[in-house]
Amino acid sequence: MTADESLLCPVCEQGRTGPFRTLGQQVYLRCDVCEATIMAPESRLPEDEERRVYELHDNHPDDPGYRRFLSKVMDPLLPKLPAGARGLDYGCGPGPALAAMFAGAGFEMSLYDPFFYPDPATLERRYDFITCTEVVEHLHRPADVFRQLNSLLEPGGWLGIMTCFQTDDSRFDHWHYRRDPTHVVFYRQGTFEWLAEYYGWHLEIPRKDVVLIRR
């Protein structure tokens, strides 16, 4: 990769990134088109350390508090789904609680996670809906994943994303979401609005930090 190519935004692949913040050893960049904030590649954890952080997550499928948290994306998505819809929990982690919740509501669910459920056959099917909760902030190549998710959706299918939106730049330095070393991309509401226009998606934001996209 050349120095010039390294400036291309990994979210929209249309804008160029420039300096935003340097906080200790972590360097952050800002895209001049989609306004995403990106941790510079040299600041990211090595893959083995990244996985160790994920293994520390205690997200048990039967934890009522965790299920309430996930209901923030499930509740607005559920009324949009026809009976018998097939779903994919993309980036489900070691404890696929949301998939269990949708399965309990009568939907057929598949799982994919590059660390914990890395079955490539799962990515060769198409789905009526895909959930992607607390995932997109971890992506090193977000544009590749957005294209992939778009291709995995049936026409008219829904993609539900949950991630903390970045809002006030003055709070970024001490923001709890930034402090997770595996969070390498931060999205504004305007970032998702830009992506929806670019991909031709219908976009809904039913509540804070939740995005629903219809292909």
N, C-alpha and C. Protein backbone atom coordinates (compact mmCIF):
# COMPACT_ATOMS: atom_id res chain seq x y z
N MET A 1 0.85 -1.19 0.00
CA MET A 1 0.00 0.00 0.00
C MET A 1 0.88 1.24 0.00
N THR A 2 0.61 2.17 -0.89
CA THR A 2 1.38 3.40 -0.95
C THR A 2 0.86 4.38 0.09
N ALA A 3 1.66 5.41 0.36
CA ALA A 3 1.25 6.43 1.32
C ALA A 3 -0.03 7.10 0.87
N ASP A 4 -0.17 7.31 -0.46
CA ASP A 4 -1.37 7.96 -0.96
C ASP A 4 -2.59 7.08 -0.75
N GLU A 5 -2.47 5.77 -1.03
CA GLU A 5 -3.58 4.85 -0.86
C GLU A 5 -3.99 4.75 0.60
N SER A 6 -3.05 4.89 1.51
CA SER A 6 -3.36 4.75 2.93
C SER A 6 -4.26 5.86 3.42
N LEU A 7 -4.39 6.95 2.66
CA LEU A 7 -5.23 8.06 3.07
C LEU A 7 -6.69 7.84 2.69
N LEU A 8 -6.99 6.84 1.87
CA LEU A 8 -8.35 6.58 1.44
C LEU A 8 -9.19 6.09 2.62
N CYS A 9 -10.38 6.65 2.78
CA CYS A 9 -11.24 6.27 3.90
C CYS A 9 -11.68 4.82 3.75
N PRO A 10 -11.50 3.97 4.76
CA PRO A 10 -11.90 2.57 4.66
C PRO A 10 -13.40 2.36 4.82
N VAL A 11 -14.14 3.41 5.17
CA VAL A 11 -15.60 3.30 5.33
C VAL A 11 -16.30 3.60 4.01
N CYS A 12 -16.01 4.76 3.43
CA CYS A 12 -16.72 5.16 2.21
C CYS A 12 -15.90 4.95 0.94
N GLU A 13 -14.59 4.85 1.06
CA GLU A 13 -13.67 4.70 -0.07
C GLU A 13 -13.80 5.82 -1.09
N GLN A 14 -14.32 6.95 -0.66
CA GLN A 14 -14.46 8.12 -1.52
C GLN A 14 -13.67 9.31 -0.98
N GLY A 15 -13.62 9.42 0.34
CA GLY A 15 -12.95 10.54 0.96
C GLY A 15 -11.52 10.23 1.35
N ARG A 16 -10.82 11.27 1.74
CA ARG A 16 -9.47 11.15 2.26
C ARG A 16 -9.48 11.44 3.75
N THR A 17 -8.61 10.76 4.47
CA THR A 17 -8.55 10.94 5.91
C THR A 17 -7.41 11.88 6.28
N GLY A 18 -7.67 12.69 7.28
CA GLY A 18 -6.65 13.59 7.79
C GLY A 18 -6.58 13.51 9.29
N PRO A 19 -5.58 14.13 9.91
CA PRO A 19 -5.40 14.05 11.36
C PRO A 19 -6.61 14.57 12.12
N PHE A 20 -6.99 13.84 13.17
CA PHE A 20 -8.09 14.27 14.03
C PHE A 20 -7.62 14.37 15.48
N ARG A 21 -7.07 13.29 16.04
CA ARG A 21 -6.59 13.30 17.42
C ARG A 21 -5.38 12.37 17.53
N THR A 22 -4.48 12.71 18.42
CA THR A 22 -3.44 11.79 18.88
C THR A 22 -3.54 11.73 20.39
N LEU A 23 -3.85 10.54 20.89
CA LEU A 23 -4.06 10.34 22.32
C LEU A 23 -3.13 9.23 22.79
N GLY A 24 -2.02 9.61 23.40
CA GLY A 24 -1.00 8.63 23.77
C GLY A 24 -0.43 7.98 22.53
N GLN A 25 -0.52 6.65 22.44
CA GLN A 25 0.01 5.92 21.29
C GLN A 25 -1.03 5.75 20.18
N GLN A 26 -2.25 6.26 20.40
CA GLN A 26 -3.33 6.05 19.44
C GLN A 26 -3.56 7.29 18.60
N VAL A 27 -3.50 7.07 17.30
CA VAL A 27 -3.70 8.15 16.33
C VAL A 27 -5.05 7.94 15.65
N TYR A 28 -5.84 9.01 15.56
CA TYR A 28 -7.16 8.93 14.95
C TYR A 28 -7.23 9.90 13.76
N LEU A 29 -7.95 9.45 12.74
CA LEU A 29 -8.10 10.21 11.50
C LEU A 29 -9.58 10.50 11.28
N ARG A 30 -9.88 11.50 10.44
CA ARG A 30 -11.26 11.85 10.13
C ARG A 30 -11.42 11.94 8.60
N CYS A 31 -12.47 11.29 8.11
CA CYS A 31 -12.76 11.32 6.67
C CYS A 31 -13.43 12.65 6.30
N ASP A 32 -13.01 13.22 5.19
CA ASP A 32 -13.57 14.50 4.78
C ASP A 32 -14.86 14.36 3.97
N VAL A 33 -15.31 13.13 3.73
CA VAL A 33 -16.56 12.92 2.99
C VAL A 33 -17.65 12.35 3.89
N CYS A 34 -17.42 11.18 4.50
CA CYS A 34 -18.47 10.54 5.31
C CYS A 34 -18.36 10.90 6.79
N GLU A 35 -17.28 11.57 7.19
CA GLU A 35 -17.07 12.04 8.56
C GLU A 35 -16.87 10.92 9.58
N ALA A 36 -16.53 9.74 9.11
CA ALA A 36 -16.15 8.68 10.05
C ALA A 36 -14.81 9.03 10.70
N THR A 37 -14.62 8.54 11.92
CA THR A 37 -13.35 8.67 12.63
C THR A 37 -12.71 7.30 12.67
N ILE A 38 -11.44 7.22 12.26
CA ILE A 38 -10.77 5.94 12.08
C ILE A 38 -9.47 5.91 12.88
N MET A 39 -9.27 4.83 13.62
CA MET A 39 -7.97 4.65 14.26
C MET A 39 -6.94 4.29 13.19
N ALA A 40 -5.81 4.96 13.19
CA ALA A 40 -4.77 4.68 12.21
C ALA A 40 -4.31 3.23 12.33
N PRO A 41 -4.04 2.57 11.19
CA PRO A 41 -3.67 1.14 11.23
C PRO A 41 -2.52 0.83 12.18
N GLU A 42 -1.55 1.72 12.27
CA GLU A 42 -0.40 1.43 13.13
C GLU A 42 -0.75 1.47 14.62
N SER A 43 -1.94 1.98 14.97
CA SER A 43 -2.36 2.05 16.36
C SER A 43 -3.18 0.85 16.80
N ARG A 44 -3.54 -0.02 15.88
CA ARG A 44 -4.44 -1.13 16.20
C ARG A 44 -3.70 -2.27 16.91
N LEU A 45 -4.46 -3.06 17.66
CA LEU A 45 -3.91 -4.24 18.32
C LEU A 45 -3.56 -5.31 17.29
N PRO A 46 -2.54 -6.10 17.54
CA PRO A 46 -2.32 -7.30 16.73
C PRO A 46 -3.51 -8.25 16.86
N GLU A 47 -3.71 -9.10 15.86
CA GLU A 47 -4.90 -9.95 15.83
C GLU A 47 -5.02 -10.85 17.06
N ASP A 48 -3.89 -11.41 17.54
CA ASP A 48 -3.98 -12.31 18.70
C ASP A 48 -4.40 -11.55 19.95
N GLU A 49 -3.92 -10.31 20.12
CA GLU A 49 -4.34 -9.52 21.27
C GLU A 49 -5.80 -9.09 21.14
N GLU A 50 -6.22 -8.79 19.93
CA GLU A 50 -7.61 -8.42 19.70
C GLU A 50 -8.54 -9.56 20.10
N ARG A 51 -8.20 -10.77 19.70
CA ARG A 51 -9.03 -11.92 20.05
C ARG A 51 -9.10 -12.11 21.56
N ARG A 52 -7.98 -11.91 22.25
CA ARG A 52 -7.98 -12.08 23.70
C ARG A 52 -8.95 -11.11 24.37
N VAL A 53 -9.05 -9.90 23.85
CA VAL A 53 -10.01 -8.94 24.39
C VAL A 53 -11.43 -9.45 24.18
N TYR A 54 -11.73 -9.98 22.98
CA TYR A 54 -13.08 -10.49 22.71
C TYR A 54 -13.43 -11.65 23.63
N GLU A 55 -12.45 -12.47 23.95
CA GLU A 55 -12.71 -13.63 24.80
C GLU A 55 -13.04 -13.23 26.24
N LEU A 56 -12.70 -12.00 26.61
CA LEU A 56 -13.02 -11.50 27.94
C LEU A 56 -14.46 -11.03 28.06
N HIS A 57 -15.13 -10.82 26.91
CA HIS A 57 -16.50 -10.33 26.93
C HIS A 57 -17.41 -11.38 27.58
N ASP A 58 -18.19 -10.95 28.54
CA ASP A 58 -19.08 -11.87 29.26
C ASP A 58 -20.52 -11.60 28.82
N ASN A 59 -20.82 -11.97 27.58
CA ASN A 59 -22.14 -11.71 27.01
C ASN A 59 -22.90 -13.03 26.93
N HIS A 60 -23.48 -13.44 28.04
CA HIS A 60 -24.15 -14.74 28.09
C HIS A 60 -25.55 -14.62 27.49
N PRO A 61 -25.93 -15.57 26.62
CA PRO A 61 -27.24 -15.49 25.96
C PRO A 61 -28.42 -15.44 26.91
N ASP A 62 -28.27 -15.95 28.14
CA ASP A 62 -29.38 -15.96 29.08
C ASP A 62 -29.37 -14.78 30.05
N ASP A 63 -28.43 -13.87 29.89
CA ASP A 63 -28.33 -12.72 30.79
C ASP A 63 -29.46 -11.73 30.48
N PRO A 64 -30.39 -11.50 31.42
CA PRO A 64 -31.52 -10.60 31.14
C PRO A 64 -31.08 -9.19 30.76
N GLY A 65 -30.04 -8.69 31.42
CA GLY A 65 -29.56 -7.34 31.10
C GLY A 65 -29.02 -7.24 29.69
N TYR A 66 -28.29 -8.27 29.28
CA TYR A 66 -27.75 -8.27 27.92
C TYR A 66 -28.87 -8.40 26.89
N ARG A 67 -29.88 -9.20 27.20
CA ARG A 67 -31.01 -9.34 26.28
C ARG A 67 -31.78 -8.03 26.16
N ARG A 68 -31.91 -7.29 27.25
CA ARG A 68 -32.56 -5.98 27.17
C ARG A 68 -31.76 -5.04 26.29
N PHE A 69 -30.44 -5.09 26.43
CA PHE A 69 -29.57 -4.27 25.59
C PHE A 69 -29.78 -4.59 24.11
N LEU A 70 -29.81 -5.88 23.77
CA LEU A 70 -29.98 -6.28 22.38
C LEU A 70 -31.38 -6.01 21.85
N SER A 71 -32.34 -5.91 22.74
CA SER A 71 -33.71 -5.63 22.30
C SER A 71 -33.82 -4.25 21.66
N LYS A 72 -32.82 -3.39 21.87
CA LYS A 72 -32.85 -2.07 21.25
C LYS A 72 -32.86 -2.16 19.73
N VAL A 73 -32.24 -3.20 19.18
CA VAL A 73 -32.28 -3.39 17.74
C VAL A 73 -33.35 -4.40 17.35
N MET A 74 -33.61 -5.38 18.21
CA MET A 74 -34.61 -6.40 17.87
C MET A 74 -36.03 -5.82 17.83
N ASP A 75 -36.38 -5.00 18.80
CA ASP A 75 -37.75 -4.51 18.90
C ASP A 75 -38.20 -3.73 17.66
N PRO A 76 -37.41 -2.80 17.13
CA PRO A 76 -37.86 -2.09 15.92
C PRO A 76 -37.75 -2.92 14.64
N LEU A 77 -36.89 -3.95 14.65
CA LEU A 77 -36.71 -4.77 13.46
C LEU A 77 -37.81 -5.83 13.33
N LEU A 78 -38.24 -6.36 14.45
CA LEU A 78 -39.17 -7.49 14.46
C LEU A 78 -40.45 -7.24 13.66
N PRO A 79 -41.11 -6.09 13.80
CA PRO A 79 -42.36 -5.89 13.06
C PRO A 79 -42.19 -5.82 11.54
N LYS A 80 -40.97 -5.64 11.08
CA LYS A 80 -40.72 -5.53 9.64
C LYS A 80 -40.50 -6.89 8.97
N LEU A 81 -40.41 -7.96 9.76
CA LEU A 81 -40.03 -9.26 9.24
C LEU A 81 -41.24 -10.14 9.01
N PRO A 82 -41.34 -10.77 7.85
CA PRO A 82 -42.43 -11.71 7.61
C PRO A 82 -42.21 -13.01 8.36
N ALA A 83 -43.28 -13.73 8.60
CA ALA A 83 -43.16 -15.05 9.23
C ALA A 83 -42.25 -15.94 8.39
N GLY A 84 -41.39 -16.68 9.06
CA GLY A 84 -40.50 -17.60 8.36
C GLY A 84 -39.27 -16.95 7.77
N ALA A 85 -39.02 -15.67 8.06
CA ALA A 85 -37.84 -15.00 7.52
C ALA A 85 -36.57 -15.67 8.04
N ARG A 86 -35.56 -15.72 7.16
CA ARG A 86 -34.27 -16.31 7.52
C ARG A 86 -33.29 -15.20 7.86
N GLY A 87 -32.60 -15.36 9.00
CA GLY A 87 -31.71 -14.31 9.45
C GLY A 87 -30.28 -14.79 9.66
N LEU A 88 -29.37 -13.83 9.65
CA LEU A 88 -27.96 -14.06 9.91
C LEU A 88 -27.52 -13.10 11.01
N ASP A 89 -26.91 -13.64 12.06
CA ASP A 89 -26.29 -12.81 13.10
C ASP A 89 -24.81 -12.71 12.74
N TYR A 90 -24.42 -11.58 12.15
CA TYR A 90 -23.08 -11.38 11.62
C TYR A 90 -22.21 -10.74 12.71
N GLY A 91 -21.10 -11.41 13.04
CA GLY A 91 -20.25 -10.92 14.11
C GLY A 91 -20.85 -11.22 15.47
N CYS A 92 -21.41 -12.42 15.59
CA CYS A 92 -22.21 -12.79 16.77
C CYS A 92 -21.39 -12.97 18.04
N GLY A 93 -20.07 -13.13 17.92
CA GLY A 93 -19.23 -13.33 19.09
C GLY A 93 -19.38 -14.73 19.67
N PRO A 94 -18.76 -14.99 20.82
CA PRO A 94 -18.78 -16.34 21.39
C PRO A 94 -20.12 -16.74 21.99
N GLY A 95 -20.96 -15.75 22.33
CA GLY A 95 -22.27 -16.04 22.92
C GLY A 95 -23.37 -15.39 22.10
N PRO A 96 -23.88 -16.06 21.05
CA PRO A 96 -24.82 -15.44 20.10
C PRO A 96 -26.22 -15.24 20.69
N ALA A 97 -26.33 -14.29 21.60
CA ALA A 97 -27.59 -14.08 22.31
C ALA A 97 -28.70 -13.57 21.40
N LEU A 98 -28.37 -12.63 20.50
CA LEU A 98 -29.41 -12.07 19.64
C LEU A 98 -29.99 -13.13 18.71
N ALA A 99 -29.14 -14.00 18.19
CA ALA A 99 -29.63 -15.10 17.35
C ALA A 99 -30.58 -15.99 18.14
N ALA A 100 -30.26 -16.24 19.40
CA ALA A 100 -31.14 -17.06 20.24
C ALA A 100 -32.47 -16.36 20.46
N MET A 101 -32.45 -15.04 20.60
CA MET A 101 -33.69 -14.29 20.80
C MET A 101 -34.57 -14.36 19.55
N PHE A 102 -33.98 -14.20 18.37
CA PHE A 102 -34.77 -14.30 17.14
C PHE A 102 -35.24 -15.73 16.91
N ALA A 103 -34.40 -16.71 17.23
CA ALA A 103 -34.82 -18.10 17.10
C ALA A 103 -36.01 -18.39 18.01
N GLY A 104 -35.97 -17.82 19.20
CA GLY A 104 -37.08 -17.99 20.13
C GLY A 104 -38.37 -17.35 19.64
N ALA A 105 -38.22 -16.35 18.75
CA ALA A 105 -39.39 -15.70 18.16
C ALA A 105 -39.86 -16.41 16.88
N GLY A 106 -39.20 -17.54 16.54
CA GLY A 106 -39.66 -18.35 15.43
C GLY A 106 -38.92 -18.18 14.12
N PHE A 107 -37.76 -17.54 14.16
CA PHE A 107 -37.01 -17.31 12.93
C PHE A 107 -35.83 -18.28 12.82
N GLU A 108 -35.54 -18.69 11.61
CA GLU A 108 -34.37 -19.53 11.35
C GLU A 108 -33.13 -18.65 11.31
N MET A 109 -32.14 -18.97 12.14
CA MET A 109 -30.97 -18.12 12.26
C MET A 109 -29.69 -18.86 11.90
N SER A 110 -28.78 -18.15 11.24
CA SER A 110 -27.42 -18.62 10.98
C SER A 110 -26.45 -17.70 11.71
N LEU A 111 -25.25 -18.20 11.94
CA LEU A 111 -24.24 -17.47 12.69
C LEU A 111 -22.99 -17.30 11.86
N TYR A 112 -22.38 -16.11 11.97
CA TYR A 112 -21.05 -15.92 11.40
C TYR A 112 -20.25 -14.99 12.31
N ASP A 113 -19.02 -15.38 12.57
CA ASP A 113 -18.08 -14.53 13.28
C ASP A 113 -16.68 -14.96 12.85
N PRO A 114 -15.82 -14.03 12.44
CA PRO A 114 -14.50 -14.44 11.94
C PRO A 114 -13.63 -15.13 12.97
N PHE A 115 -13.90 -14.91 14.25
CA PHE A 115 -13.12 -15.56 15.30
C PHE A 115 -13.80 -16.80 15.86
N PHE A 116 -15.12 -16.75 16.05
CA PHE A 116 -15.80 -17.80 16.82
C PHE A 116 -16.72 -18.70 15.97
N TYR A 117 -17.23 -18.21 14.87
CA TYR A 117 -18.08 -19.01 13.97
C TYR A 117 -17.67 -18.73 12.52
N PRO A 118 -16.45 -19.12 12.15
CA PRO A 118 -15.90 -18.71 10.84
C PRO A 118 -16.27 -19.67 9.70
N ASP A 119 -17.53 -20.05 9.59
CA ASP A 119 -17.94 -20.98 8.54
C ASP A 119 -18.20 -20.22 7.25
N PRO A 120 -17.35 -20.38 6.22
CA PRO A 120 -17.54 -19.61 4.98
C PRO A 120 -18.83 -19.96 4.26
N ALA A 121 -19.38 -21.16 4.48
CA ALA A 121 -20.63 -21.54 3.82
C ALA A 121 -21.77 -20.61 4.23
N THR A 122 -21.69 -20.07 5.43
CA THR A 122 -22.73 -19.14 5.90
C THR A 122 -22.80 -17.90 5.01
N LEU A 123 -21.66 -17.55 4.43
CA LEU A 123 -21.60 -16.33 3.60
C LEU A 123 -21.87 -16.63 2.12
N GLU A 124 -22.33 -17.83 1.83
CA GLU A 124 -22.69 -18.18 0.46
C GLU A 124 -24.20 -18.27 0.27
N ARG A 125 -24.95 -17.94 1.33
CA ARG A 125 -26.41 -17.93 1.25
C ARG A 125 -26.92 -16.50 1.24
N ARG A 126 -28.22 -16.36 1.06
CA ARG A 126 -28.84 -15.03 1.15
C ARG A 126 -29.90 -15.06 2.25
N TYR A 127 -30.13 -13.89 2.82
CA TYR A 127 -30.96 -13.80 4.02
C TYR A 127 -32.02 -12.70 3.87
N ASP A 128 -33.12 -12.89 4.62
CA ASP A 128 -34.17 -11.88 4.66
C ASP A 128 -33.81 -10.75 5.60
N PHE A 129 -32.97 -11.05 6.59
CA PHE A 129 -32.50 -9.99 7.48
C PHE A 129 -31.15 -10.39 8.07
N ILE A 130 -30.37 -9.38 8.41
CA ILE A 130 -29.05 -9.58 9.02
C ILE A 130 -28.96 -8.63 10.21
N THR A 131 -28.44 -9.14 11.31
CA THR A 131 -28.17 -8.28 12.46
C THR A 131 -26.65 -8.16 12.63
N CYS A 132 -26.26 -6.98 13.05
CA CYS A 132 -24.83 -6.66 13.16
C CYS A 132 -24.69 -5.74 14.38
N THR A 133 -24.65 -6.32 15.57
CA THR A 133 -24.71 -5.52 16.79
C THR A 133 -23.33 -5.44 17.45
N GLU A 134 -22.91 -4.21 17.70
CA GLU A 134 -21.61 -3.95 18.32
C GLU A 134 -20.50 -4.64 17.52
N VAL A 135 -20.55 -4.45 16.21
CA VAL A 135 -19.60 -5.09 15.29
C VAL A 135 -18.88 -4.07 14.42
N VAL A 136 -19.62 -3.13 13.83
CA VAL A 136 -19.02 -2.29 12.79
C VAL A 136 -17.90 -1.41 13.31
N GLU A 137 -17.88 -1.16 14.62
CA GLU A 137 -16.80 -0.35 15.19
C GLU A 137 -15.48 -1.12 15.26
N HIS A 138 -15.53 -2.45 15.06
CA HIS A 138 -14.33 -3.29 15.11
C HIS A 138 -13.72 -3.52 13.73
N LEU A 139 -14.38 -3.10 12.66
CA LEU A 139 -13.98 -3.51 11.31
C LEU A 139 -12.76 -2.74 10.81
N HIS A 140 -11.77 -3.46 10.35
CA HIS A 140 -10.59 -2.83 9.77
C HIS A 140 -10.85 -2.39 8.33
N ARG A 141 -11.74 -3.11 7.63
CA ARG A 141 -12.09 -2.76 6.25
C ARG A 141 -13.62 -2.70 6.14
N PRO A 142 -14.22 -1.66 6.69
CA PRO A 142 -15.69 -1.59 6.75
C PRO A 142 -16.36 -1.64 5.38
N ALA A 143 -15.79 -0.97 4.38
CA ALA A 143 -16.43 -0.94 3.07
C ALA A 143 -16.58 -2.34 2.50
N ASP A 144 -15.58 -3.18 2.69
CA ASP A 144 -15.68 -4.57 2.20
C ASP A 144 -16.84 -5.29 2.87
N VAL A 145 -17.03 -5.06 4.16
CA VAL A 145 -18.10 -5.75 4.89
C VAL A 145 -19.46 -5.20 4.49
N PHE A 146 -19.58 -3.88 4.32
CA PHE A 146 -20.87 -3.33 3.89
C PHE A 146 -21.27 -3.87 2.52
N ARG A 147 -20.31 -3.99 1.62
CA ARG A 147 -20.62 -4.58 0.31
C ARG A 147 -21.05 -6.03 0.46
N GLN A 148 -20.36 -6.75 1.33
CA GLN A 148 -20.68 -8.15 1.56
C GLN A 148 -22.08 -8.31 2.14
N LEU A 149 -22.39 -7.52 3.16
CA LEU A 149 -23.71 -7.60 3.77
C LEU A 149 -24.81 -7.26 2.77
N ASN A 150 -24.56 -6.27 1.94
CA ASN A 150 -25.53 -5.89 0.92
C ASN A 150 -25.79 -7.06 -0.03
N SER A 151 -24.73 -7.77 -0.40
CA SER A 151 -24.88 -8.90 -1.33
C SER A 151 -25.56 -10.09 -0.67
N LEU A 152 -25.48 -10.20 0.66
CA LEU A 152 -26.09 -11.33 1.37
C LEU A 152 -27.59 -11.14 1.61
N LEU A 153 -28.07 -9.91 1.46
CA LEU A 153 -29.47 -9.62 1.70
C LEU A 153 -30.31 -9.90 0.47
N GLU A 154 -31.45 -10.51 0.67
CA GLU A 154 -32.44 -10.62 -0.39
C GLU A 154 -32.96 -9.22 -0.71
N PRO A 155 -33.39 -8.97 -1.95
CA PRO A 155 -34.02 -7.67 -2.24
C PRO A 155 -35.18 -7.41 -1.27
N GLY A 156 -35.20 -6.24 -0.71
CA GLY A 156 -36.20 -5.91 0.29
C GLY A 156 -35.84 -6.34 1.69
N GLY A 157 -34.68 -7.01 1.85
CA GLY A 157 -34.25 -7.46 3.16
C GLY A 157 -33.76 -6.33 4.04
N TRP A 158 -33.67 -6.62 5.33
CA TRP A 158 -33.30 -5.61 6.32
C TRP A 158 -31.97 -5.94 7.00
N LEU A 159 -31.20 -4.89 7.24
CA LEU A 159 -29.96 -4.98 8.01
C LEU A 159 -30.10 -4.11 9.24
N GLY A 160 -29.93 -4.72 10.42
CA GLY A 160 -30.00 -3.98 11.67
C GLY A 160 -28.61 -3.82 12.26
N ILE A 161 -28.18 -2.59 12.46
CA ILE A 161 -26.86 -2.28 13.00
C ILE A 161 -27.02 -1.55 14.32
N MET A 162 -26.21 -1.92 15.29
CA MET A 162 -26.16 -1.17 16.54
C MET A 162 -24.71 -0.84 16.85
N THR A 163 -24.44 0.44 17.05
CA THR A 163 -23.12 0.93 17.41
C THR A 163 -23.30 2.31 18.01
N CYS A 164 -22.46 2.71 18.93
CA CYS A 164 -22.59 4.04 19.53
C CYS A 164 -22.19 5.11 18.51
N PHE A 165 -23.10 6.01 18.22
CA PHE A 165 -22.78 7.10 17.30
C PHE A 165 -21.81 8.07 17.98
N GLN A 166 -20.87 8.56 17.19
CA GLN A 166 -20.03 9.63 17.70
C GLN A 166 -20.74 10.95 17.47
N THR A 167 -20.75 11.79 18.45
CA THR A 167 -21.46 13.07 18.34
C THR A 167 -20.52 14.25 18.59
N ASP A 168 -20.28 14.56 19.84
CA ASP A 168 -19.54 15.76 20.21
C ASP A 168 -18.03 15.48 20.20
N ASP A 169 -17.31 16.14 19.31
CA ASP A 169 -15.85 15.93 19.23
C ASP A 169 -15.15 16.28 20.54
N SER A 170 -15.69 17.24 21.28
CA SER A 170 -15.02 17.68 22.50
C SER A 170 -15.04 16.58 23.58
N ARG A 171 -15.92 15.58 23.42
CA ARG A 171 -16.00 14.50 24.40
C ARG A 171 -15.24 13.26 23.94
N PHE A 172 -14.65 13.29 22.77
CA PHE A 172 -14.05 12.10 22.20
C PHE A 172 -12.92 11.54 23.06
N ASP A 173 -12.07 12.42 23.58
CA ASP A 173 -10.89 11.97 24.31
C ASP A 173 -11.24 11.06 25.49
N HIS A 174 -12.33 11.36 26.18
CA HIS A 174 -12.70 10.62 27.39
C HIS A 174 -13.91 9.72 27.17
N TRP A 175 -14.33 9.55 25.95
CA TRP A 175 -15.51 8.75 25.62
C TRP A 175 -15.24 7.27 25.92
N HIS A 176 -16.15 6.63 26.65
CA HIS A 176 -15.94 5.24 27.03
C HIS A 176 -15.79 4.33 25.82
N TYR A 177 -16.50 4.66 24.75
CA TYR A 177 -16.47 3.79 23.56
C TYR A 177 -15.10 3.82 22.90
N ARG A 178 -14.45 4.96 22.95
CA ARG A 178 -13.11 5.08 22.37
C ARG A 178 -12.09 4.28 23.16
N ARG A 179 -12.33 4.12 24.45
CA ARG A 179 -11.34 3.50 25.32
C ARG A 179 -11.20 1.99 25.10
N ASP A 180 -12.16 1.38 24.42
CA ASP A 180 -12.00 -0.04 24.06
C ASP A 180 -10.97 -0.11 22.93
N PRO A 181 -9.83 -0.80 23.14
CA PRO A 181 -8.76 -0.78 22.13
C PRO A 181 -9.12 -1.53 20.85
N THR A 182 -10.21 -2.31 20.87
CA THR A 182 -10.63 -3.01 19.65
C THR A 182 -11.61 -2.18 18.81
N HIS A 183 -12.01 -1.01 19.32
CA HIS A 183 -12.89 -0.12 18.55
C HIS A 183 -12.02 0.78 17.66
N VAL A 184 -12.11 0.56 16.38
CA VAL A 184 -11.20 1.24 15.45
C VAL A 184 -11.91 2.15 14.46
N VAL A 185 -13.25 2.14 14.44
CA VAL A 185 -14.02 3.02 13.57
C VAL A 185 -15.21 3.56 14.35
N PHE A 186 -15.46 4.86 14.21
CA PHE A 186 -16.57 5.50 14.91
C PHE A 186 -17.41 6.25 13.87
N TYR A 187 -18.71 6.02 13.94
CA TYR A 187 -19.63 6.51 12.92
C TYR A 187 -20.52 7.61 13.49
N ARG A 188 -20.75 8.61 12.70
CA ARG A 188 -21.78 9.59 13.01
C ARG A 188 -23.08 9.17 12.34
N GLN A 189 -24.18 9.77 12.77
CA GLN A 189 -25.43 9.51 12.06
C GLN A 189 -25.27 9.88 10.59
N GLY A 190 -24.56 10.98 10.34
CA GLY A 190 -24.33 11.41 8.96
C GLY A 190 -23.52 10.42 8.15
N THR A 191 -22.67 9.63 8.81
CA THR A 191 -21.91 8.59 8.10
C THR A 191 -22.87 7.56 7.52
N PHE A 192 -23.84 7.12 8.33
CA PHE A 192 -24.81 6.14 7.83
C PHE A 192 -25.73 6.76 6.77
N GLU A 193 -26.04 8.02 6.91
CA GLU A 193 -26.85 8.69 5.89
C GLU A 193 -26.10 8.73 4.56
N TRP A 194 -24.80 9.00 4.63
CA TRP A 194 -23.99 9.00 3.41
C TRP A 194 -23.96 7.60 2.79
N LEU A 195 -23.74 6.57 3.61
CA LEU A 195 -23.68 5.20 3.10
C LEU A 195 -25.01 4.79 2.47
N ALA A 196 -26.12 5.18 3.10
CA ALA A 196 -27.43 4.81 2.56
C ALA A 196 -27.64 5.43 1.19
N GLU A 197 -27.25 6.67 1.03
CA GLU A 197 -27.40 7.32 -0.28
C GLU A 197 -26.49 6.66 -1.31
N TYR A 198 -25.29 6.31 -0.91
CA TYR A 198 -24.32 5.72 -1.83
C TYR A 198 -24.78 4.35 -2.31
N TYR A 199 -25.29 3.52 -1.39
CA TYR A 199 -25.70 2.16 -1.74
C TYR A 199 -27.14 2.07 -2.23
N GLY A 200 -27.88 3.17 -2.13
CA GLY A 200 -29.28 3.14 -2.52
C GLY A 200 -30.16 2.45 -1.50
N TRP A 201 -29.79 2.51 -0.24
CA TRP A 201 -30.54 1.89 0.84
C TRP A 201 -31.63 2.83 1.35
N HIS A 202 -32.71 2.24 1.87
CA HIS A 202 -33.67 2.99 2.67
C HIS A 202 -33.18 2.93 4.12
N LEU A 203 -33.06 4.08 4.75
CA LEU A 203 -32.45 4.17 6.09
C LEU A 203 -33.48 4.63 7.10
N GLU A 204 -33.51 3.95 8.24
CA GLU A 204 -34.29 4.40 9.38
C GLU A 204 -33.40 4.38 10.62
N ILE A 205 -33.58 5.37 11.48
CA ILE A 205 -32.87 5.41 12.76
C ILE A 205 -33.95 5.49 13.84
N PRO A 206 -34.43 4.32 14.29
CA PRO A 206 -35.59 4.31 15.19
C PRO A 206 -35.28 4.76 16.61
N ARG A 207 -34.01 4.71 16.98
CA ARG A 207 -33.61 5.14 18.32
C ARG A 207 -32.11 5.39 18.31
N LYS A 208 -31.61 5.97 19.37
CA LYS A 208 -30.20 6.30 19.47
C LYS A 208 -29.34 5.05 19.26
N ASP A 209 -28.35 5.17 18.40
CA ASP A 209 -27.32 4.14 18.18
C ASP A 209 -27.83 2.90 17.43
N VAL A 210 -29.01 3.00 16.82
CA VAL A 210 -29.58 1.88 16.07
C VAL A 210 -29.90 2.35 14.66
N VAL A 211 -29.46 1.56 13.69
CA VAL A 211 -29.68 1.84 12.28
C VAL A 211 -30.40 0.64 11.65
N LEU A 212 -31.48 0.91 10.94
CA LEU A 212 -32.16 -0.11 10.16
C LEU A 212 -32.06 0.28 8.69
N ILE A 213 -31.60 -0.67 7.88
CA ILE A 213 -31.35 -0.44 6.46
C ILE A 213 -32.13 -1.46 5.66
N ARG A 214 -32.89 -1.00 4.68
CA ARG A 214 -33.62 -1.89 3.80
C ARG A 214 -32.96 -1.87 2.41
N ARG A 215 -32.61 -3.06 1.94
CA ARG A 215 -31.97 -3.13 0.63
C ARG A 215 -33.01 -2.90 -0.47
